Amino acid sequence: MTDKTIKVALAGAGAFGTKHLDGIKLIDGVEVVSLVGREIGKTKEVAAKYGIGHVTTNLSDSLALKEVDAVILATPTQMHAEQTQACLRAGKHVEVEIPLADTLKGAEEVVALQKKTGLVAMVGHTRRFNPSHQWIHKKIAAGEFHIQQMDVQTYFFRRTNMNALGQPRSWTDHLLWHHAAHTVDLFAYQDGGEVVQANAVQGPIHPTLGIAMDMSIQLKSSTGAICTLSLSFNNDGPLGTFFRYIGDTGTYIARYDDLYTGKDEKIDVSKVDVSMNGIELQDREFFAAIREKREPNSSVARVLPCYRTLDALERQLDAAK
């Protein structure tokens, strides 16, 4: 596998799938040979644009291709755990978009199967790879910065079920099991501790979407650091996730791929990695782990503690209903 081209099947030809296709184009020694989509017409259009020869609406068709070495899953959240296991059972390395699962049981089943197969299985916890957060991680690793508090805002406007391209979704997004997963994992990863206390409250359930549109989460690490996370699907701009790192030697604010000091001075993070694109960087890690036969950053095992915390928060929210 060191010199051989890695042949990839991508499942999910929507807004996020195309981000992976754009990133993979920049990575040497990797070729997407199969594309799985929900609607065959639209999937064929995407395949033609990216020069992908095999098109299907069924993941099992792609898994049956002997030439496929690895699979990237950019499919609806509710399918992640089951599809990841199907890839592993078919002998394929797999990278599944965040979240790994929408239940702790599903996440644990994937981790158990990965250990049994020995294949590379990782989750798209993109914040671990964004250069802005990498810059902070390196500062923490060097002992130059210790987190006292992370203050995070994750804000979208999703009162109707549309994707990032403004197209109707076939599934319903989730503040806890998707968007909170980014921050719950990042907090523990950056801080180096374990989440020992977690609290959550949520606003009213949307009458048709059936999900909470607003949520607040508090976390405490074994190191003593805390995290405050606010999430909303009701926010009418600005949109996105904004991270404030408050530490012993400074304050840093990450907005998208940009990083600033607490005094709003911009920090150059362009030389932190080979790209500023977090999706491309996580894909590079996936393919490097396959070639080097090693566990990747954000492997299914390494991110499992995040899903334990999400499960505890969900049980707390259910008990409060």
C-alpha atoms as a PDB file:
ATOM      1  CA  MET A   1       0.000   0.000   0.000  1.00  0.00           C
ATOM      2  CA  THR A   2       3.014   2.323   0.337  1.00  0.00           C
ATOM      3  CA  ASP A   3       3.322   3.015  -3.412  1.00  0.00           C
ATOM      4  CA  LYS A   4      -0.004   1.730  -4.715  1.00  0.00           C
ATOM      5  CA  THR A   5      -2.761   4.219  -5.527  1.00  0.00           C
ATOM      6  CA  ILE A   6      -5.447   4.086  -2.842  1.00  0.00           C
ATOM      7  CA  LYS A   7      -8.802   3.499  -4.545  1.00  0.00           C
ATOM      8  CA  VAL A   8     -11.690   5.138  -2.726  1.00  0.00           C
ATOM      9  CA  ALA A   9     -15.471   4.899  -2.723  1.00  0.00           C
ATOM     10  CA  LEU A  10     -17.301   7.998  -1.505  1.00  0.00           C
ATOM     11  CA  ALA A  11     -20.828   7.623  -0.153  1.00  0.00           C
ATOM     12  CA  GLY A  12     -22.835  10.828  -0.009  1.00  0.00           C
ATOM     13  CA  ALA A  13     -22.771  13.078  -3.065  1.00  0.00           C
ATOM     14  CA  GLY A  14     -24.255  16.108  -1.288  1.00  0.00           C
ATOM     15  CA  ALA A  15     -22.782  19.303   0.137  1.00  0.00           C
ATOM     16  CA  PHE A  16     -20.195  17.614   2.358  1.00  0.00           C
ATOM     17  CA  GLY A  17     -19.328  14.823  -0.059  1.00  0.00           C
ATOM     18  CA  THR A  18     -18.207  17.370  -2.650  1.00  0.00           C
ATOM     19  CA  LYS A  19     -15.953  18.984  -0.034  1.00  0.00           C
ATOM     20  CA  HIS A  20     -14.168  15.645   0.277  1.00  0.00           C
ATOM     21  CA  LEU A  21     -13.940  15.305  -3.505  1.00  0.00           C
ATOM     22  CA  ASP A  22     -12.365  18.776  -3.745  1.00  0.00           C
ATOM     23  CA  GLY A  23      -9.864  17.902  -1.008  1.00  0.00           C
ATOM     24  CA  ILE A  24      -8.938  14.516  -2.465  1.00  0.00           C
ATOM     25  CA  LYS A  25      -8.099  16.127  -5.817  1.00  0.00           C
ATOM     26  CA  LEU A  26      -5.143  17.763  -4.041  1.00  0.00           C
ATOM     27  CA  ILE A  27      -3.806  14.528  -2.518  1.00  0.00           C
ATOM     28  CA  ASP A  28      -1.312  12.427  -4.510  1.00  0.00           C
ATOM     29  CA  GLY A  29      -1.758   8.678  -4.841  1.00  0.00           C
ATOM     30  CA  VAL A  30      -5.505   8.637  -4.182  1.00  0.00           C
ATOM     31  CA  GLU A  31      -8.307   8.057  -6.686  1.00  0.00           C
ATOM     32  CA  VAL A  32     -12.082   8.098  -6.147  1.00  0.00           C
ATOM     33  CA  VAL A  33     -13.407   5.202  -8.259  1.00  0.00           C
ATOM     34  CA  SER A  34     -16.981   4.875  -6.976  1.00  0.00           C
ATOM     35  CA  LEU A  35     -19.657   7.356  -5.924  1.00  0.00           C
ATOM     36  CA  VAL A  36     -22.786   6.504  -3.943  1.00  0.00           C
ATOM     37  CA  GLY A  37     -25.743   8.905  -3.875  1.00  0.00           C
ATOM     38  CA  ARG A  38     -29.412   8.952  -2.998  1.00  0.00           C
ATOM     39  CA  GLU A  39     -30.631  10.132  -6.404  1.00  0.00           C
ATOM     40  CA  ILE A  40     -28.968   8.487  -9.411  1.00  0.00           C
ATOM     41  CA  GLY A  41     -29.360  11.501 -11.722  1.00  0.00           C
ATOM     42  CA  LYS A  42     -27.724  13.997  -9.381  1.00  0.00           C
ATOM     43  CA  THR A  43     -25.053  11.452  -8.425  1.00  0.00           C
ATOM     44  CA  LYS A  44     -24.152  10.910 -12.094  1.00  0.00           C
ATOM     45  CA  GLU A  45     -23.792  14.681 -12.530  1.00  0.00           C
ATOM     46  CA  VAL A  46     -21.337  14.879  -9.631  1.00  0.00           C
ATOM     47  CA  ALA A  47     -19.459  11.789 -10.868  1.00  0.00           C
ATOM     48  CA  ALA A  48     -19.095  13.306 -14.344  1.00  0.00           C
ATOM     49  CA  LYS A  49     -17.728  16.548 -12.867  1.00  0.00           C
ATOM     50  CA  TYR A  50     -15.051  14.684 -10.887  1.00  0.00           C
ATOM     51  CA  GLY A  51     -14.316  11.917 -13.410  1.00  0.00           C
ATOM     52  CA  ILE A  52     -15.640   9.047 -11.295  1.00  0.00           C
ATOM     53  CA  GLY A  53     -16.419   5.919 -13.300  1.00  0.00           C
ATOM     54  CA  HIS A  54     -18.731   3.918 -11.028  1.00  0.00           C
ATOM     55  CA  VAL A  55     -22.044   5.353  -9.802  1.00  0.00           C
ATOM     56  CA  THR A  56     -24.648   3.655  -7.611  1.00  0.00           C
ATOM     57  CA  THR A  57     -27.401   4.345  -5.078  1.00  0.00           C
ATOM     58  CA  ASN A  58     -26.390   1.347  -2.950  1.00  0.00           C
ATOM     59  CA  LEU A  59     -23.283   1.272  -0.750  1.00  0.00           C
ATOM     60  CA  SER A  60     -23.107  -2.527  -1.028  1.00  0.00           C
ATOM     61  CA  ASP A  61     -22.409  -2.169  -4.772  1.00  0.00           C
ATOM     62  CA  SER A  62     -19.288  -0.144  -3.997  1.00  0.00           C
ATOM     63  CA  LEU A  63     -18.204  -2.495  -1.204  1.00  0.00           C
ATOM     64  CA  ALA A  64     -18.399  -5.384  -3.673  1.00  0.00           C
ATOM     65  CA  LEU A  65     -15.719  -3.775  -5.878  1.00  0.00           C
ATOM     66  CA  LYS A  66     -12.409  -5.547  -5.223  1.00  0.00           C
ATOM     67  CA  GLU A  67     -10.405  -2.515  -6.313  1.00  0.00           C
ATOM     68  CA  VAL A  68     -11.876  -0.341  -3.534  1.00  0.00           C
ATOM     69  CA  ASP A  69      -9.408  -0.056  -0.648  1.00  0.00           C
ATOM     70  CA  ALA A  70     -11.180   2.559   1.453  1.00  0.00           C
ATOM     71  CA  VAL A  71     -14.524   4.285   1.913  1.00  0.00           C
ATOM     72  CA  ILE A  72     -15.435   7.804   2.997  1.00  0.00           C
ATOM     73  CA  LEU A  73     -18.954   8.139   4.406  1.00  0.00           C
ATOM     74  CA  ALA A  74     -20.586  11.562   4.070  1.00  0.00           C
ATOM     75  CA  THR A  75     -24.074  10.169   4.549  1.00  0.00           C
ATOM     76  CA  PRO A  76     -26.906  11.057   6.979  1.00  0.00           C
ATOM     77  CA  THR A  77     -26.018  10.806  10.683  1.00  0.00           C
ATOM     78  CA  GLN A  78     -28.504   8.009  11.357  1.00  0.00           C
ATOM     79  CA  MET A  79     -26.694   5.708   8.890  1.00  0.00           C
ATOM     80  CA  HIS A  80     -23.119   6.235  10.142  1.00  0.00           C
ATOM     81  CA  ALA A  81     -22.682   3.399  12.651  1.00  0.00           C
ATOM     82  CA  GLU A  82     -24.343   0.748  10.487  1.00  0.00           C
ATOM     83  CA  GLN A  83     -22.523   1.790   7.303  1.00  0.00           C
ATOM     84  CA  THR A  84     -19.138   2.010   9.064  1.00  0.00           C
ATOM     85  CA  GLN A  85     -19.574  -1.566  10.267  1.00  0.00           C
ATOM     86  CA  ALA A  86     -20.583  -2.673   6.753  1.00  0.00           C
ATOM     87  CA  CYS A  87     -17.348  -1.196   5.373  1.00  0.00           C
ATOM     88  CA  LEU A  88     -15.225  -2.918   8.017  1.00  0.00           C
ATOM     89  CA  ARG A  89     -16.964  -6.257   7.418  1.00  0.00           C
ATOM     90  CA  ALA A  90     -16.206  -5.852   3.700  1.00  0.00           C
ATOM     91  CA  GLY A  91     -12.506  -5.436   4.526  1.00  0.00           C
ATOM     92  CA  LYS A  92     -12.380  -1.722   3.667  1.00  0.00           C
ATOM     93  CA  HIS A  93     -10.675   1.051   5.623  1.00  0.00           C
ATOM     94  CA  VAL A  94     -13.252   3.690   6.494  1.00  0.00           C
ATOM     95  CA  GLU A  95     -13.485   7.365   7.364  1.00  0.00           C
ATOM     96  CA  VAL A  96     -16.947   8.369   8.546  1.00  0.00           C
ATOM     97  CA  GLU A  97     -18.039  11.962   8.858  1.00  0.00           C
ATOM     98  CA  ILE A  98     -18.876  13.275  12.310  1.00  0.00           C
ATOM     99  CA  PRO A  99     -20.715  11.930  14.251  1.00  0.00           C
ATOM    100  CA  LEU A 100     -19.568   8.316  14.479  1.00  0.00           C
ATOM    101  CA  ALA A 101     -23.046   7.357  15.657  1.00  0.00           C
ATOM    102  CA  ASP A 102     -26.210   8.830  17.138  1.00  0.00           C
ATOM    103  CA  THR A 103     -26.142   6.416  20.087  1.00  0.00           C
ATOM    104  CA  LEU A 104     -23.378   5.248  22.435  1.00  0.00           C
ATOM    105  CA  LYS A 105     -24.264   1.634  21.627  1.00  0.00           C
ATOM    106  CA  GLY A 106     -23.660   2.256  17.922  1.00  0.00           C
ATOM    107  CA  ALA A 107     -20.307   3.925  18.613  1.00  0.00           C
ATOM    108  CA  GLU A 108     -19.163   1.092  20.895  1.00  0.00           C
ATOM    109  CA  GLU A 109     -20.126  -1.532  18.293  1.00  0.00           C
ATOM    110  CA  VAL A 110     -17.986   0.216  15.672  1.00  0.00           C
ATOM    111  CA  VAL A 111     -14.982   0.422  18.026  1.00  0.00           C
ATOM    112  CA  ALA A 112     -15.293  -3.279  18.894  1.00  0.00           C
ATOM    113  CA  LEU A 113     -15.446  -4.282  15.212  1.00  0.00           C
ATOM    114  CA  GLN A 114     -12.486  -2.052  14.309  1.00  0.00           C
ATOM    115  CA  LYS A 115     -10.371  -3.760  16.981  1.00  0.00           C
ATOM    116  CA  LYS A 116     -11.409  -7.134  15.601  1.00  0.00           C
ATOM    117  CA  THR A 117     -10.543  -6.271  11.979  1.00  0.00           C
ATOM    118  CA  GLY A 118      -7.462  -4.119  12.577  1.00  0.00           C
ATOM    119  CA  LEU A 119      -8.497  -1.850   9.709  1.00  0.00           C
ATOM    120  CA  VAL A 120      -8.097   1.933   9.794  1.00  0.00           C
ATOM    121  CA  ALA A 121     -11.330   3.540  10.974  1.00  0.00           C
ATOM    122  CA  MET A 122     -11.502   7.234  11.804  1.00  0.00           C
ATOM    123  CA  VAL A 123     -14.125   9.918  12.293  1.00  0.00           C
ATOM    124  CA  GLY A 124     -14.226  13.363  10.698  1.00  0.00           C
ATOM    125  CA  HIS A 125     -13.645  15.343  13.868  1.00  0.00           C
ATOM    126  CA  THR A 126     -12.427  18.200  11.680  1.00  0.00           C
ATOM    127  CA  ARG A 127     -11.564  20.601  14.497  1.00  0.00           C
ATOM    128  CA  ARG A 128      -8.572  18.419  15.393  1.00  0.00           C
ATOM    129  CA  PHE A 129      -7.185  19.206  11.933  1.00  0.00           C
ATOM    130  CA  ASN A 130      -8.056  22.883  11.388  1.00  0.00           C
ATOM    131  CA  PRO A 131      -4.757  24.869  11.408  1.00  0.00           C
ATOM    132  CA  SER A 132      -6.131  27.366  13.954  1.00  0.00           C
ATOM    133  CA  HIS A 133      -6.806  24.599  16.487  1.00  0.00           C
ATOM    134  CA  GLN A 134      -3.577  22.790  15.540  1.00  0.00           C
ATOM    135  CA  TRP A 135      -1.652  25.994  16.372  1.00  0.00           C
ATOM    136  CA  ILE A 136      -3.195  26.017  19.848  1.00  0.00           C
ATOM    137  CA  HIS A 137      -2.650  22.262  20.292  1.00  0.00           C
ATOM    138  CA  LYS A 138       1.070  22.673  19.583  1.00  0.00           C
ATOM    139  CA  LYS A 139       1.300  25.535  22.070  1.00  0.00           C
ATOM    140  CA  ILE A 140      -0.371  23.359  24.725  1.00  0.00           C
ATOM    141  CA  ALA A 141       1.887  20.388  23.889  1.00  0.00           C
ATOM    142  CA  ALA A 142       4.947  22.631  24.311  1.00  0.00           C
ATOM    143  CA  GLY A 143       3.734  23.627  27.798  1.00  0.00           C
ATOM    144  CA  GLU A 144       3.289  27.265  26.728  1.00  0.00           C
ATOM    145  CA  PHE A 145      -0.480  27.464  27.218  1.00  0.00           C
ATOM    146  CA  HIS A 146      -2.994  25.794  29.524  1.00  0.00           C
ATOM    147  CA  ILE A 147      -6.745  26.094  29.038  1.00  0.00           C
ATOM    148  CA  GLN A 148      -8.776  27.601  31.867  1.00  0.00           C
ATOM    149  CA  GLN A 149     -11.992  27.921  29.892  1.00  0.00           C
ATOM    150  CA  MET A 150     -13.247  27.322  26.381  1.00  0.00           C
ATOM    151  CA  ASP A 151     -16.257  29.436  25.419  1.00  0.00           C
ATOM    152  CA  VAL A 152     -17.880  28.173  22.209  1.00  0.00           C
ATOM    153  CA  GLN A 153     -20.840  29.329  20.122  1.00  0.00           C
ATOM    154  CA  THR A 154     -22.299  27.060  17.423  1.00  0.00           C
ATOM    155  CA  TYR A 155     -24.968  29.020  15.587  1.00  0.00           C
ATOM    156  CA  PHE A 156     -27.021  28.175  12.490  1.00  0.00           C
ATOM    157  CA  PHE A 157     -30.377  29.154  11.014  1.00  0.00           C
ATOM    158  CA  ARG A 158     -32.153  25.865  10.327  1.00  0.00           C
ATOM    159  CA  ARG A 159     -35.873  26.348  10.914  1.00  0.00           C
ATOM    160  CA  THR A 160     -36.471  24.286   7.783  1.00  0.00           C
ATOM    161  CA  ASN A 161     -34.652  21.080   6.888  1.00  0.00           C
ATOM    162  CA  MET A 162     -32.133  22.370   4.312  1.00  0.00           C
ATOM    163  CA  ASN A 163     -28.463  21.521   3.730  1.00  0.00           C
ATOM    164  CA  ALA A 164     -25.504  23.872   3.230  1.00  0.00           C
ATOM    165  CA  LEU A 165     -26.373  24.201  -0.470  1.00  0.00           C
ATOM    166  CA  GLY A 166     -29.938  25.266   0.289  1.00  0.00           C
ATOM    167  CA  GLN A 167     -31.351  21.909  -0.811  1.00  0.00           C
ATOM    168  CA  PRO A 168     -33.950  19.861   1.137  1.00  0.00           C
ATOM    169  CA  ARG A 169     -32.368  17.273   3.448  1.00  0.00           C
ATOM    170  CA  SER A 170     -33.426  13.627   3.518  1.00  0.00           C
ATOM    171  CA  TRP A 171     -32.638  13.536   7.258  1.00  0.00           C
ATOM    172  CA  THR A 172     -32.767  15.777  10.317  1.00  0.00           C
ATOM    173  CA  ASP A 173     -29.630  17.357  11.765  1.00  0.00           C
ATOM    174  CA  HIS A 174     -29.057  17.330  15.531  1.00  0.00           C
ATOM    175  CA  LEU A 175     -27.481  19.866  17.896  1.00  0.00           C
ATOM    176  CA  LEU A 176     -26.296  17.295  20.454  1.00  0.00           C
ATOM    177  CA  TRP A 177     -25.213  14.272  18.419  1.00  0.00           C
ATOM    178  CA  HIS A 178     -23.658  16.254  15.575  1.00  0.00           C
ATOM    179  CA  HIS A 179     -22.723  19.827  16.388  1.00  0.00           C
ATOM    180  CA  ALA A 180     -21.933  19.407  20.088  1.00  0.00           C
ATOM    181  CA  ALA A 181     -19.724  16.421  19.204  1.00  0.00           C
ATOM    182  CA  HIS A 182     -17.194  18.780  17.592  1.00  0.00           C
ATOM    183  CA  THR A 183     -16.689  20.803  20.767  1.00  0.00           C
ATOM    184  CA  VAL A 184     -17.008  17.980  23.312  1.00  0.00           C
ATOM    185  CA  ASP A 185     -14.217  16.113  21.516  1.00  0.00           C
ATOM    186  CA  LEU A 186     -12.078  19.204  20.885  1.00  0.00           C
ATOM    187  CA  PHE A 187     -12.222  20.336  24.529  1.00  0.00           C
ATOM    188  CA  ALA A 188     -10.868  17.015  25.839  1.00  0.00           C
ATOM    189  CA  TYR A 189      -8.349  16.727  22.970  1.00  0.00           C
ATOM    190  CA  GLN A 190      -6.933  20.213  23.514  1.00  0.00           C
ATOM    191  CA  ASP A 191      -7.034  20.140  27.304  1.00  0.00           C
ATOM    192  CA  GLY A 192      -5.557  16.655  27.612  1.00  0.00           C
ATOM    193  CA  GLY A 193      -7.948  15.621  30.358  1.00  0.00           C
ATOM    194  CA  GLU A 194     -11.191  13.679  30.615  1.00  0.00           C
ATOM    195  CA  VAL A 195     -14.661  15.170  30.912  1.00  0.00           C
ATOM    196  CA  VAL A 196     -15.671  14.462  34.516  1.00  0.00           C
ATOM    197  CA  GLN A 197     -18.777  16.640  34.722  1.00  0.00           C
ATOM    198  CA  ALA A 198     -21.328  17.452  32.022  1.00  0.00           C
ATOM    199  CA  ASN A 199     -24.596  19.378  32.224  1.00  0.00           C
ATOM    200  CA  ALA A 200     -27.115  20.378  29.551  1.00  0.00           C
ATOM    201  CA  VAL A 201     -30.381  22.259  29.155  1.00  0.00           C
ATOM    202  CA  GLN A 202     -32.406  22.624  25.974  1.00  0.00           C
ATOM    203  CA  GLY A 203     -35.131  24.870  24.623  1.00  0.00           C
ATOM    204  CA  PRO A 204     -38.501  23.868  23.143  1.00  0.00           C
ATOM    205  CA  ILE A 205     -38.769  20.955  20.710  1.00  0.00           C
ATOM    206  CA  HIS A 206     -39.565  22.068  17.133  1.00  0.00           C
ATOM    207  CA  PRO A 207     -43.139  20.985  16.254  1.00  0.00           C
ATOM    208  CA  THR A 208     -42.255  19.438  12.865  1.00  0.00           C
ATOM    209  CA  LEU A 209     -38.496  18.732  13.012  1.00  0.00           C
ATOM    210  CA  GLY A 210     -38.872  17.051  16.411  1.00  0.00           C
ATOM    211  CA  ILE A 211     -35.541  18.362  17.758  1.00  0.00           C
ATOM    212  CA  ALA A 212     -34.432  21.010  20.228  1.00  0.00           C
ATOM    213  CA  MET A 213     -33.455  24.182  18.369  1.00  0.00           C
ATOM    214  CA  ASP A 214     -31.461  25.691  21.242  1.00  0.00           C
ATOM    215  CA  MET A 215     -29.121  24.060  23.751  1.00  0.00           C
ATOM    216  CA  SER A 216     -26.559  24.991  26.403  1.00  0.00           C
ATOM    217  CA  ILE A 217     -23.825  22.629  27.618  1.00  0.00           C
ATOM    218  CA  GLN A 218     -21.299  22.901  30.453  1.00  0.00           C
ATOM    219  CA  LEU A 219     -18.271  20.619  30.746  1.00  0.00           C
ATOM    220  CA  LYS A 220     -15.524  20.216  33.346  1.00  0.00           C
ATOM    221  CA  SER A 221     -12.242  18.418  32.728  1.00  0.00           C
ATOM    222  CA  SER A 222     -10.201  16.299  35.097  1.00  0.00           C
ATOM    223  CA  THR A 223      -7.587  19.072  34.810  1.00  0.00           C
ATOM    224  CA  GLY A 224     -10.032  21.602  36.276  1.00  0.00           C
ATOM    225  CA  ALA A 225     -10.623  23.429  32.978  1.00  0.00           C
ATOM    226  CA  ILE A 226     -14.215  24.182  31.987  1.00  0.00           C
ATOM    227  CA  CYS A 227     -16.086  24.580  28.700  1.00  0.00           C
ATOM    228  CA  THR A 228     -19.268  26.520  28.011  1.00  0.00           C
ATOM    229  CA  LEU A 229     -21.043  25.682  24.751  1.00  0.00           C
ATOM    230  CA  SER A 230     -24.082  27.465  23.307  1.00  0.00           C
ATOM    231  CA  LEU A 231     -25.856  25.944  20.281  1.00  0.00           C
ATOM    232  CA  SER A 232     -28.753  27.191  18.176  1.00  0.00           C
ATOM    233  CA  PHE A 233     -30.606  26.470  14.951  1.00  0.00           C
ATOM    234  CA  ASN A 234     -32.607  29.689  15.514  1.00  0.00           C
ATOM    235  CA  ASN A 235     -29.752  32.169  15.030  1.00  0.00           C
ATOM    236  CA  ASP A 236     -30.172  34.522  12.079  1.00  0.00           C
ATOM    237  CA  GLY A 237     -26.474  35.359  11.591  1.00  0.00           C
ATOM    238  CA  PRO A 238     -23.560  35.412  11.881  1.00  0.00           C
ATOM    239  CA  LEU A 239     -23.454  31.660  11.278  1.00  0.00           C
ATOM    240  CA  GLY A 240     -20.827  29.089  12.197  1.00  0.00           C
ATOM    241  CA  THR A 241     -18.833  28.053  15.253  1.00  0.00           C
ATOM    242  CA  PHE A 242     -16.647  30.473  17.171  1.00  0.00           C
ATOM    243  CA  PHE A 243     -14.129  29.321  19.783  1.00  0.00           C
ATOM    244  CA  ARG A 244     -12.616  31.416  22.565  1.00  0.00           C
ATOM    245  CA  TYR A 245      -9.685  29.794  24.393  1.00  0.00           C
ATOM    246  CA  ILE A 246      -9.057  31.476  27.728  1.00  0.00           C
ATOM    247  CA  GLY A 247      -5.739  30.321  29.201  1.00  0.00           C
ATOM    248  CA  ASP A 248      -2.998  31.112  31.664  1.00  0.00           C
ATOM    249  CA  THR A 249      -0.790  32.924  29.133  1.00  0.00           C
ATOM    250  CA  GLY A 250      -3.332  34.506  26.809  1.00  0.00           C
ATOM    251  CA  THR A 251      -6.683  34.385  25.061  1.00  0.00           C
ATOM    252  CA  TYR A 252      -7.191  33.100  21.527  1.00  0.00           C
ATOM    253  CA  ILE A 253     -10.259  33.284  19.308  1.00  0.00           C
ATOM    254  CA  ALA A 254     -10.757  30.877  16.403  1.00  0.00           C
ATOM    255  CA  ARG A 255     -13.229  32.023  13.750  1.00  0.00           C
ATOM    256  CA  TYR A 256     -13.478  29.492  10.943  1.00  0.00           C
ATOM    257  CA  ASP A 257      -9.862  29.057   9.755  1.00  0.00           C
ATOM    258  CA  ASP A 258      -8.641  32.338  11.244  1.00  0.00           C
ATOM    259  CA  LEU A 259      -7.068  32.770  14.672  1.00  0.00           C
ATOM    260  CA  TYR A 260      -6.839  35.970  16.709  1.00  0.00           C
ATOM    261  CA  THR A 261      -5.515  37.042  20.085  1.00  0.00           C
ATOM    262  CA  GLY A 262      -7.919  38.351  22.706  1.00  0.00           C
ATOM    263  CA  LYS A 263      -6.955  41.848  21.500  1.00  0.00           C
ATOM    264  CA  ASP A 264      -8.151  40.913  17.980  1.00  0.00           C
ATOM    265  CA  GLU A 265      -4.633  40.668  16.525  1.00  0.00           C
ATOM    266  CA  LYS A 266      -4.565  38.125  13.700  1.00  0.00           C
ATOM    267  CA  ILE A 267      -2.174  35.154  14.057  1.00  0.00           C
ATOM    268  CA  ASP A 268      -0.668  33.661  10.886  1.00  0.00           C
ATOM    269  CA  VAL A 269      -1.554  29.947  10.824  1.00  0.00           C
ATOM    270  CA  SER A 270      -0.885  29.454   7.098  1.00  0.00           C
ATOM    271  CA  LYS A 271       2.352  27.530   7.755  1.00  0.00           C
ATOM    272  CA  VAL A 272       0.943  25.181  10.421  1.00  0.00           C
ATOM    273  CA  ASP A 273       0.127  22.452   7.868  1.00  0.00           C
ATOM    274  CA  VAL A 274       0.244  21.805   4.122  1.00  0.00           C
ATOM    275  CA  SER A 275      -3.240  23.245   3.646  1.00  0.00           C
ATOM    276  CA  MET A 276      -5.743  25.537   5.338  1.00  0.00           C
ATOM    277  CA  ASN A 277      -8.585  23.145   4.458  1.00  0.00           C
ATOM    278  CA  GLY A 278      -9.558  21.032   7.473  1.00  0.00           C
ATOM    279  CA  ILE A 279     -11.452  18.474   5.348  1.00  0.00           C
ATOM    280  CA  GLU A 280      -8.439  17.957   3.099  1.00  0.00           C
ATOM    281  CA  LEU A 281      -6.171  17.644   6.139  1.00  0.00           C
ATOM    282  CA  GLN A 282      -8.351  14.993   7.807  1.00  0.00           C
ATOM    283  CA  ASP A 283      -8.459  13.064   4.508  1.00  0.00           C
ATOM    284  CA  ARG A 284      -4.663  13.286   4.285  1.00  0.00           C
ATOM    285  CA  GLU A 285      -4.437  11.798   7.790  1.00  0.00           C
ATOM    286  CA  PHE A 286      -6.783   8.959   6.807  1.00  0.00           C
ATOM    287  CA  PHE A 287      -4.726   7.985   3.766  1.00  0.00           C
ATOM    288  CA  ALA A 288      -1.412   8.428   5.623  1.00  0.00           C
ATOM    289  CA  ALA A 289      -2.629   6.089   8.395  1.00  0.00           C
ATOM    290  CA  ILE A 290      -3.540   3.462   5.768  1.00  0.00           C
ATOM    291  CA  ARG A 291      -0.123   3.700   4.102  1.00  0.00           C
ATOM    292  CA  GLU A 292       1.782   3.732   7.403  1.00  0.00           C
ATOM    293  CA  LYS A 293      -0.411   1.031   8.991  1.00  0.00           C
ATOM    294  CA  ARG A 294      -1.017   3.077  12.142  1.00  0.00           C
ATOM    295  CA  GLU A 295      -3.869   4.425  14.228  1.00  0.00           C
ATOM    296  CA  PRO A 296      -5.027   7.818  12.926  1.00  0.00           C
ATOM    297  CA  ASN A 297      -5.699  10.942  14.909  1.00  0.00           C
ATOM    298  CA  SER A 298      -9.485  10.873  15.540  1.00  0.00           C
ATOM    299  CA  SER A 299      -9.613   7.077  15.257  1.00  0.00           C
ATOM    300  CA  VAL A 300     -12.923   5.557  16.358  1.00  0.00           C
ATOM    301  CA  ALA A 301     -11.290   4.465  19.617  1.00  0.00           C
ATOM    302  CA  ARG A 302      -9.810   7.889  20.372  1.00  0.00           C
ATOM    303  CA  VAL A 303     -13.089   9.743  19.904  1.00  0.00           C
ATOM    304  CA  LEU A 304     -15.240   7.237  21.828  1.00  0.00           C
ATOM    305  CA  PRO A 305     -15.049   9.259  25.103  1.00  0.00           C
ATOM    306  CA  CYS A 306     -16.865  12.089  23.308  1.00  0.00           C
ATOM    307  CA  TYR A 307     -19.826   9.809  22.598  1.00  0.00           C
ATOM    308  CA  ARG A 308     -19.918   8.643  26.209  1.00  0.00           C
ATOM    309  CA  THR A 309     -20.323  12.273  27.224  1.00  0.00           C
ATOM    310  CA  LEU A 310     -23.032  12.883  24.599  1.00  0.00           C
ATOM    311  CA  ASP A 311     -24.904   9.824  25.880  1.00  0.00           C
ATOM    312  CA  ALA A 312     -24.737  11.110  29.463  1.00  0.00           C
ATOM    313  CA  LEU A 313     -26.040  14.512  28.314  1.00  0.00           C
ATOM    314  CA  GLU A 314     -28.886  12.937  26.359  1.00  0.00           C
ATOM    315  CA  ARG A 315     -29.946  10.869  29.366  1.00  0.00           C
ATOM    316  CA  GLN A 316     -29.887  14.016  31.490  1.00  0.00           C
ATOM    317  CA  LEU A 317     -32.026  15.925  28.960  1.00  0.00           C
ATOM    318  CA  ASP A 318     -34.496  13.021  28.690  1.00  0.00           C
ATOM    319  CA  ALA A 319     -34.858  12.881  32.483  1.00  0.00           C
ATOM    320  CA  ALA A 320     -35.645  16.601  32.562  1.00  0.00           C
ATOM    321  CA  LYS A 321     -38.521  16.377  30.075  1.00  0.00           C
END
